[in-house]
PDB file of N, CA and C in Angstrom:
ATOM      1  N   MET A   1     -47.077-216.204  40.763  1.00  0.00           N
ATOM      2  CA  MET A   1     -45.817-215.778  41.309  1.00  0.00           C
ATOM      3  C   MET A   1     -44.847-215.452  40.170  1.00  0.00           C
ATOM      4  N   SER A   2     -44.110-214.390  40.346  1.00  0.00           N
ATOM      5  CA  SER A   2     -43.149-213.961  39.360  1.00  0.00           C
ATOM      6  C   SER A   2     -41.858-214.772  39.476  1.00  0.00           C
ATOM      7  N   ILE A   3     -41.195-214.978  38.344  1.00  0.00           N
ATOM      8  CA  ILE A   3     -39.929-215.719  38.395  1.00  0.00           C
ATOM      9  C   ILE A   3     -38.776-214.820  38.827  1.00  0.00           C
ATOM     10  N   PHE A   4     -38.955-213.506  38.794  1.00  0.00           N
ATOM     11  CA  PHE A   4     -37.894-212.580  39.178  1.00  0.00           C
ATOM     12  C   PHE A   4     -38.085-211.982  40.567  1.00  0.00           C
ATOM     13  N   TYR A   5     -39.331-211.906  41.048  1.00  0.00           N
ATOM     14  CA  TYR A   5     -39.624-211.199  42.299  1.00  0.00           C
ATOM     15  C   TYR A   5     -40.320-212.134  43.280  1.00  0.00           C
ATOM     16  N   ASP A   6     -39.832-212.142  44.503  1.00  0.00           N
ATOM     17  CA  ASP A   6     -40.433-212.949  45.564  1.00  0.00           C
ATOM     18  C   ASP A   6     -41.383-212.057  46.362  1.00  0.00           C
ATOM     19  N   HIS A   7     -42.679-212.305  46.234  1.00  0.00           N
ATOM     20  CA  HIS A   7     -43.678-211.447  46.875  1.00  0.00           C
ATOM     21  C   HIS A   7     -43.690-211.608  48.392  1.00  0.00           C
ATOM     22  N   ARG A   8     -43.327-212.770  48.889  1.00  0.00           N
ATOM     23  CA  ARG A   8     -43.309-212.961  50.347  1.00  0.00           C
ATOM     24  C   ARG A   8     -42.160-212.196  50.998  1.00  0.00           C
ATOM     25  N   ALA A   9     -41.004-212.238  50.378  1.00  0.00           N
ATOM     26  CA  ALA A   9     -39.838-211.551  50.943  1.00  0.00           C
ATOM     27  C   ALA A   9     -39.779-210.084  50.521  1.00  0.00           C
ATOM     28  N   LYS A  10     -40.612-209.691  49.572  1.00  0.00           N
ATOM     29  CA  LYS A  10     -40.675-208.318  49.060  1.00  0.00           C
ATOM     30  C   LYS A  10     -39.329-207.861  48.484  1.00  0.00           C
ATOM     31  N   ARG A  11     -38.683-208.761  47.752  1.00  0.00           N
ATOM     32  CA  ARG A  11     -37.428-208.420  47.090  1.00  0.00           C
ATOM     33  C   ARG A  11     -37.216-209.385  45.929  1.00  0.00           C
ATOM     34  N   PRO A  12     -36.268-209.079  45.049  1.00  0.00           N
ATOM     35  CA  PRO A  12     -35.995-209.997  43.933  1.00  0.00           C
ATOM     36  C   PRO A  12     -35.478-211.341  44.437  1.00  0.00           C
ATOM     37  N   GLN A  13     -35.727-212.373  43.661  1.00  0.00           N
ATOM     38  CA  GLN A  13     -35.228-213.686  44.047  1.00  0.00           C
ATOM     39  C   GLN A  13     -33.705-213.691  43.986  1.00  0.00           C
ATOM     40  N   ILE A  14     -33.100-214.524  44.801  1.00  0.00           N
ATOM     41  CA  ILE A  14     -31.656-214.496  44.996  1.00  0.00           C
ATOM     42  C   ILE A  14     -30.887-214.858  43.726  1.00  0.00           C
ATOM     43  N   TRP A  15     -31.425-215.708  42.878  1.00  0.00           N
ATOM     44  CA  TRP A  15     -30.711-216.134  41.685  1.00  0.00           C
ATOM     45  C   TRP A  15     -30.638-215.041  40.631  1.00  0.00           C
ATOM     46  N   THR A  16     -31.475-214.001  40.753  1.00  0.00           N
ATOM     47  CA  THR A  16     -31.470-212.953  39.739  1.00  0.00           C
ATOM     48  C   THR A  16     -30.232-212.069  39.812  1.00  0.00           C
ATOM     49  N   TYR A  17     -29.647-211.910  40.994  1.00  0.00           N
ATOM     50  CA  TYR A  17     -28.460-211.057  41.127  1.00  0.00           C
ATOM     51  C   TYR A  17     -27.285-211.588  40.305  1.00  0.00           C
ATOM     52  N   PRO A  18     -26.820-212.828  40.541  1.00  0.00           N
ATOM     53  CA  PRO A  18     -25.696-213.308  39.719  1.00  0.00           C
ATOM     54  C   PRO A  18     -26.071-213.477  38.246  1.00  0.00           C
ATOM     55  N   PHE A  19     -27.322-213.820  37.962  1.00  0.00           N
ATOM     56  CA  PHE A  19     -27.748-213.995  36.578  1.00  0.00           C
ATOM     57  C   PHE A  19     -27.580-212.708  35.788  1.00  0.00           C
ATOM     58  N   PHE A  20     -28.072-211.600  36.312  1.00  0.00           N
ATOM     59  CA  PHE A  20     -27.996-210.341  35.572  1.00  0.00           C
ATOM     60  C   PHE A  20     -26.593-209.740  35.592  1.00  0.00           C
ATOM     61  N   ILE A  21     -25.807-210.029  36.619  1.00  0.00           N
ATOM     62  CA  ILE A  21     -24.411-209.582  36.629  1.00  0.00           C
ATOM     63  C   ILE A  21     -23.636-210.320  35.536  1.00  0.00           C
ATOM     64  N   ILE A  22     -23.821-211.629  35.443  1.00  0.00           N
ATOM     65  CA  ILE A  22     -23.144-212.419  34.411  1.00  0.00           C
ATOM     66  C   ILE A  22     -23.639-212.022  33.021  1.00  0.00           C
ATOM     67  N   LEU A  23     -24.933-211.785  32.875  1.00  0.00           N
ATOM     68  CA  LEU A  23     -25.490-211.374  31.592  1.00  0.00           C
ATOM     69  C   LEU A  23     -24.892-210.044  31.133  1.00  0.00           C
ATOM     70  N   THR A  24     -24.781-209.094  32.047  1.00  0.00           N
ATOM     71  CA  THR A  24     -24.202-207.792  31.714  1.00  0.00           C
ATOM     72  C   THR A  24     -22.732-207.935  31.331  1.00  0.00           C
ATOM     73  N   ALA A  25     -21.971-208.711  32.086  1.00  0.00           N
ATOM     74  CA  ALA A  25     -20.557-208.913  31.782  1.00  0.00           C
ATOM     75  C   ALA A  25     -20.383-209.614  30.433  1.00  0.00           C
ATOM     76  N   ALA A  26     -21.237-210.583  30.144  1.00  0.00           N
ATOM     77  CA  ALA A  26     -21.142-211.307  28.880  1.00  0.00           C
ATOM     78  C   ALA A  26     -21.437-210.378  27.696  1.00  0.00           C
ATOM     79  N   LEU A  27     -22.436-209.529  27.822  1.00  0.00           N
ATOM     80  CA  LEU A  27     -22.742-208.585  26.749  1.00  0.00           C
ATOM     81  C   LEU A  27     -21.593-207.600  26.539  1.00  0.00           C
ATOM     82  N   PHE A  28     -21.009-207.119  27.631  1.00  0.00           N
ATOM     83  CA  PHE A  28     -19.878-206.207  27.530  1.00  0.00           C
ATOM     84  C   PHE A  28     -18.716-206.895  26.812  1.00  0.00           C
ATOM     85  N   CYS A  29     -18.415-208.125  27.188  1.00  0.00           N
ATOM     86  CA  CYS A  29     -17.316-208.859  26.564  1.00  0.00           C
ATOM     87  C   CYS A  29     -17.588-209.124  25.085  1.00  0.00           C
ATOM     88  N   LEU A  30     -18.812-209.488  24.745  1.00  0.00           N
ATOM     89  CA  LEU A  30     -19.143-209.725  23.341  1.00  0.00           C
ATOM     90  C   LEU A  30     -18.959-208.470  22.505  1.00  0.00           C
ATOM     91  N   ILE A  31     -19.421-207.335  22.994  1.00  0.00           N
ATOM     92  CA  ILE A  31     -19.273-206.079  22.263  1.00  0.00           C
ATOM     93  C   ILE A  31     -17.801-205.696  22.157  1.00  0.00           C
ATOM     94  N   TYR A  32     -17.053-205.850  23.247  1.00  0.00           N
ATOM     95  CA  TYR A  32     -15.635-205.495  23.255  1.00  0.00           C
ATOM     96  C   TYR A  32     -14.842-206.356  22.280  1.00  0.00           C
ATOM     97  N   PHE A  33     -15.017-207.680  22.361  1.00  0.00           N
ATOM     98  CA  PHE A  33     -14.239-208.566  21.501  1.00  0.00           C
ATOM     99  C   PHE A  33     -14.681-208.489  20.041  1.00  0.00           C
ATOM    100  N   TYR A  34     -15.947-208.195  19.791  1.00  0.00           N
ATOM    101  CA  TYR A  34     -16.397-207.975  18.411  1.00  0.00           C
ATOM    102  C   TYR A  34     -15.713-206.735  17.836  1.00  0.00           C
ATOM    103  N   GLY A  35     -15.636-205.678  18.627  1.00  0.00           N
ATOM    104  CA  GLY A  35     -14.962-204.467  18.169  1.00  0.00           C
ATOM    105  C   GLY A  35     -13.478-204.682  17.938  1.00  0.00           C
ATOM    106  N   MET A  36     -12.830-205.448  18.825  1.00  0.00           N
ATOM    107  CA  MET A  36     -11.404-205.735  18.637  1.00  0.00           C
ATOM    108  C   MET A  36     -11.178-206.563  17.375  1.00  0.00           C
ATOM    109  N   LYS A  37     -12.039-207.547  17.136  1.00  0.00           N
ATOM    110  CA  LYS A  37     -11.920-208.385  15.944  1.00  0.00           C
ATOM    111  C   LYS A  37     -12.157-207.555  14.687  1.00  0.00           C
ATOM    112  N   LYS A  38     -13.142-206.675  14.736  1.00  0.00           N
ATOM    113  CA  LYS A  38     -13.460-205.826  13.596  1.00  0.00           C
ATOM    114  C   LYS A  38     -12.321-204.841  13.332  1.00  0.00           C
ATOM    115  N   GLY A  39     -11.700-204.339  14.393  1.00  0.00           N
ATOM    116  CA  GLY A  39     -10.590-203.404  14.236  1.00  0.00           C
ATOM    117  C   GLY A  39      -9.358-204.051  13.648  1.00  0.00           C
ATOM    118  N   VAL A  40      -9.099-205.295  13.993  1.00  0.00           N
ATOM    119  CA  VAL A  40      -7.933-205.995  13.449  1.00  0.00           C
ATOM    120  C   VAL A  40      -8.164-206.368  11.991  1.00  0.00           C
ATOM    121  N   SER A  41      -9.367-206.755  11.636  1.00  0.00           N
ATOM    122  CA  SER A  41      -9.635-207.209  10.278  1.00  0.00           C
ATOM    123  C   SER A  41      -9.791-206.060   9.289  1.00  0.00           C
ATOM    124  N   THR A  42     -10.091-204.861   9.755  1.00  0.00           N
ATOM    125  CA  THR A  42     -10.263-203.714   8.875  1.00  0.00           C
ATOM    126  C   THR A  42      -8.899-203.091   8.581  1.00  0.00           C
ATOM    127  N   PRO A  43      -8.517-202.964   7.310  1.00  0.00           N
ATOM    128  CA  PRO A  43      -7.224-202.342   7.010  1.00  0.00           C
ATOM    129  C   PRO A  43      -7.264-200.852   7.340  1.00  0.00           C
ATOM    130  N   SER A  44      -6.177-200.374   7.905  1.00  0.00           N
ATOM    131  CA  SER A  44      -6.138-198.960   8.260  1.00  0.00           C
ATOM    132  C   SER A  44      -5.792-198.141   7.032  1.00  0.00           C
ATOM    133  N   GLN A  45      -6.384-196.962   6.927  1.00  0.00           N
ATOM    134  CA  GLN A  45      -6.134-196.076   5.807  1.00  0.00           C
ATOM    135  C   GLN A  45      -4.990-195.139   6.173  1.00  0.00           C
ATOM    136  N   PRO A  46      -4.111-194.864   5.233  1.00  0.00           N
ATOM    137  CA  PRO A  46      -3.016-193.947   5.540  1.00  0.00           C
ATOM    138  C   PRO A  46      -3.536-192.531   5.764  1.00  0.00           C
ATOM    139  N   GLU A  47      -2.875-191.816   6.643  1.00  0.00           N
ATOM    140  CA  GLU A  47      -3.271-190.449   6.906  1.00  0.00           C
ATOM    141  C   GLU A  47      -2.893-189.567   5.732  1.00  0.00           C
ATOM    142  N   VAL A  48      -3.774-188.646   5.403  1.00  0.00           N
ATOM    143  CA  VAL A  48      -3.535-187.734   4.309  1.00  0.00           C
ATOM    144  C   VAL A  48      -3.299-186.357   4.897  1.00  0.00           C
ATOM    145  N   ASN A  49      -2.140-185.794   4.596  1.00  0.00           N
ATOM    146  CA  ASN A  49      -1.833-184.458   5.057  1.00  0.00           C
ATOM    147  C   ASN A  49      -2.244-183.493   3.955  1.00  0.00           C
ATOM    148  N   SER A  50      -3.349-182.818   4.128  1.00  0.00           N
ATOM    149  CA  SER A  50      -3.907-181.983   3.068  1.00  0.00           C
ATOM    150  C   SER A  50      -3.066-180.737   2.812  1.00  0.00           C
ATOM    151  N   LEU A  51      -2.250-180.319   3.740  1.00  0.00           N
ATOM    152  CA  LEU A  51      -1.437-179.123   3.533  1.00  0.00           C
ATOM    153  C   LEU A  51      -0.263-179.386   2.593  1.00  0.00           C
ATOM    154  N   SER A  52       0.343-180.561   2.671  1.00  0.00           N
ATOM    155  CA  SER A  52       1.519-180.820   1.847  1.00  0.00           C
ATOM    156  C   SER A  52       1.205-181.568   0.556  1.00  0.00           C
ATOM    157  N   GLU A  53       0.020-182.108   0.402  1.00  0.00           N
ATOM    158  CA  GLU A  53      -0.311-182.885  -0.789  1.00  0.00           C
ATOM    159  C   GLU A  53      -0.465-182.012  -2.031  1.00  0.00           C
ATOM    160  N   GLY A  54      -1.175-180.925  -1.913  1.00  0.00           N
ATOM    161  CA  GLY A  54      -1.508-180.128  -3.084  1.00  0.00           C
ATOM    162  C   GLY A  54      -0.606-178.934  -3.309  1.00  0.00           C
ATOM    163  N   GLN A  55       0.344-178.678  -2.455  1.00  0.00           N
ATOM    164  CA  GLN A  55       1.168-177.497  -2.574  1.00  0.00           C
ATOM    165  C   GLN A  55       2.638-177.905  -2.715  1.00  0.00           C
ATOM    166  N   ASP A  56       3.357-177.180  -3.547  1.00  0.00           N
ATOM    167  CA  ASP A  56       4.761-177.483  -3.775  1.00  0.00           C
ATOM    168  C   ASP A  56       5.672-176.592  -2.936  1.00  0.00           C
ATOM    169  N   GLY A  57       5.174-175.643  -2.286  1.00  0.00           N
ATOM    170  CA  GLY A  57       6.113-174.794  -1.626  1.00  0.00           C
ATOM    171  C   GLY A  57       5.564-174.145  -0.453  1.00  0.00           C
TER     172      GLY A  57
END
């Protein structure tokens, strides 16, 4: 017998629905908060205006 699929009922076992919903939400949150942490810790570079930097007039 499979731990994910109930052969008698011909459908996935009931515990798999909340398990995979929580797993998906947790992965999304981990990726989101890792990106936010990485964005805060990385210093931003100043914008360079290439038109006014090299020309005097």
